[in-house]
């Protein structure tokens, strides 16, 4: 194999690593965008509920932003 051929193999390896990184970044971005959409949707749904229904599920109106972003800790969790 010539030096030129070896360089192509080396470049192909770097190129495949580059595309793998691009795919990984694209997936991470897609997951982040999906999470943002889910949080906004859930927030809107909870904001529409009357106070008595929020009380029934154990959520205060002031807690909606926190719960939709971080989730809720169950009793006994640290």
C-alpha atoms as a PDB file:
ATOM      1  CA  UNK A   1       0.000   0.000   0.000  1.00  0.00           C
ATOM      2  CA  UNK A   2       1.340   3.436  -0.835  1.00  0.00           C
ATOM      3  CA  UNK A   3       1.760   6.292   1.550  1.00  0.00           C
ATOM      4  CA  UNK A   4      -1.130   8.003  -0.228  1.00  0.00           C
ATOM      5  CA  UNK A   5      -3.361   4.990   0.436  1.00  0.00           C
ATOM      6  CA  UNK A   6      -2.370   4.939   4.092  1.00  0.00           C
ATOM      7  CA  UNK A   7      -3.271   8.597   4.412  1.00  0.00           C
ATOM      8  CA  UNK A   8      -6.701   7.896   2.954  1.00  0.00           C
ATOM      9  CA  UNK A   9      -7.267   5.132   5.486  1.00  0.00           C
ATOM     10  CA  UNK A  10      -6.175   7.444   8.298  1.00  0.00           C
ATOM     11  CA  UNK A  11      -8.401  10.219   6.965  1.00  0.00           C
ATOM     12  CA  UNK A  12     -11.332   7.846   6.623  1.00  0.00           C
ATOM     13  CA  UNK A  13     -10.913   6.847  10.244  1.00  0.00           C
ATOM     14  CA  UNK A  14     -10.877  10.479  11.332  1.00  0.00           C
ATOM     15  CA  UNK A  15     -13.819  11.188   9.059  1.00  0.00           C
ATOM     16  CA  UNK A  16     -15.847   8.331  10.503  1.00  0.00           C
ATOM     17  CA  UNK A  17     -15.060   9.564  14.025  1.00  0.00           C
ATOM     18  CA  UNK A  18     -16.175  13.030  12.990  1.00  0.00           C
ATOM     19  CA  UNK A  19     -19.491  11.762  11.630  1.00  0.00           C
ATOM     20  CA  UNK A  20     -20.011   9.644  14.734  1.00  0.00           C
ATOM     21  CA  UNK A  21     -19.523  12.771  16.843  1.00  0.00           C
ATOM     22  CA  UNK A  22     -21.959  14.713  14.645  1.00  0.00           C
ATOM     23  CA  UNK A  23     -24.568  11.967  15.048  1.00  0.00           C
ATOM     24  CA  UNK A  24     -24.063  11.892  18.827  1.00  0.00           C
ATOM     25  CA  UNK A  25     -24.423  15.673  19.073  1.00  0.00           C
ATOM     26  CA  UNK A  26     -27.545  15.582  16.883  1.00  0.00           C
ATOM     27  CA  UNK A  27     -29.132  12.921  19.077  1.00  0.00           C
ATOM     28  CA  UNK A  28     -28.316  14.839  22.250  1.00  0.00           C
ATOM     29  CA  UNK A  29     -29.802  17.995  20.747  1.00  0.00           C
ATOM     30  CA  UNK A  30     -32.928  16.104  19.709  1.00  0.00           C
ATOM     31  CA  UNK A  31     -33.352  14.659  23.198  1.00  0.00           C
ATOM     32  CA  UNK A  32     -32.881  18.099  24.755  1.00  0.00           C
ATOM     33  CA  UNK A  33     -35.470  19.658  22.440  1.00  0.00           C
ATOM     34  CA  UNK A  34     -37.933  16.841  23.129  1.00  0.00           C
ATOM     35  CA  UNK A  35     -37.459  17.381  26.874  1.00  0.00           C
ATOM     36  CA  UNK A  36     -38.115  21.126  26.507  1.00  0.00           C
ATOM     37  CA  UNK A  37     -41.302  20.459  24.525  1.00  0.00           C
ATOM     38  CA  UNK A  38     -42.482  17.915  27.112  1.00  0.00           C
ATOM     39  CA  UNK A  39     -41.815  20.301  30.003  1.00  0.00           C
ATOM     40  CA  UNK A  40     -43.718  23.141  28.329  1.00  0.00           C
ATOM     41  CA  UNK A  41     -46.630  20.864  27.437  1.00  0.00           C
ATOM     42  CA  UNK A  42     -46.877  19.475  30.965  1.00  0.00           C
ATOM     43  CA  UNK A  43     -46.635  22.957  32.461  1.00  0.00           C
ATOM     44  CA  UNK A  44     -49.466  24.195  30.251  1.00  0.00           C
ATOM     45  CA  UNK A  45     -51.659  21.233  31.196  1.00  0.00           C
ATOM     46  CA  UNK A  46     -51.060  21.710  34.917  1.00  0.00           C
ATOM     47  CA  UNK A  47     -51.607  25.479  34.660  1.00  0.00           C
ATOM     48  CA  UNK A  48     -55.059  24.804  33.177  1.00  0.00           C
ATOM     49  CA  UNK A  49     -56.173  22.696  36.144  1.00  0.00           C
ATOM     50  CA  UNK A  50     -58.222  24.341  38.886  1.00  0.00           C
ATOM     51  CA  UNK A  51     -56.704  24.574  42.371  1.00  0.00           C
ATOM     52  CA  UNK A  52     -58.861  21.811  43.842  1.00  0.00           C
ATOM     53  CA  UNK A  53     -57.595  19.290  41.265  1.00  0.00           C
ATOM     54  CA  UNK A  54     -53.994  20.338  41.860  1.00  0.00           C
ATOM     55  CA  UNK A  55     -54.611  19.829  45.573  1.00  0.00           C
ATOM     56  CA  UNK A  56     -56.024  16.349  44.863  1.00  0.00           C
ATOM     57  CA  UNK A  57     -52.804  15.300  43.150  1.00  0.00           C
ATOM     58  CA  UNK A  58     -50.683  16.957  45.831  1.00  0.00           C
ATOM     59  CA  UNK A  59     -49.298  19.840  43.812  1.00  0.00           C
ATOM     60  CA  UNK A  60     -49.403  23.496  44.729  1.00  0.00           C
ATOM     61  CA  UNK A  61     -49.707  26.039  41.942  1.00  0.00           C
ATOM     62  CA  UNK A  62     -46.345  27.508  42.975  1.00  0.00           C
ATOM     63  CA  UNK A  63     -44.706  24.068  42.556  1.00  0.00           C
ATOM     64  CA  UNK A  64     -45.688  23.507  38.910  1.00  0.00           C
ATOM     65  CA  UNK A  65     -42.471  24.953  37.428  1.00  0.00           C
ATOM     66  CA  UNK A  66     -40.245  22.903  39.757  1.00  0.00           C
ATOM     67  CA  UNK A  67     -42.146  19.642  39.292  1.00  0.00           C
ATOM     68  CA  UNK A  68     -42.267  19.850  35.514  1.00  0.00           C
ATOM     69  CA  UNK A  69     -38.563  20.649  35.270  1.00  0.00           C
ATOM     70  CA  UNK A  70     -37.043  18.395  37.943  1.00  0.00           C
ATOM     71  CA  UNK A  71     -39.773  15.931  38.895  1.00  0.00           C
ATOM     72  CA  UNK A  72     -41.026  15.349  42.379  1.00  0.00           C
ATOM     73  CA  UNK A  73     -39.265  13.561  45.187  1.00  0.00           C
ATOM     74  CA  UNK A  74     -41.309  10.878  46.847  1.00  0.00           C
ATOM     75  CA  UNK A  75     -41.527  10.595  50.617  1.00  0.00           C
ATOM     76  CA  UNK A  76     -38.408   9.027  52.074  1.00  0.00           C
ATOM     77  CA  UNK A  77     -36.049  10.050  49.267  1.00  0.00           C
ATOM     78  CA  UNK A  78     -33.141  12.317  50.069  1.00  0.00           C
END
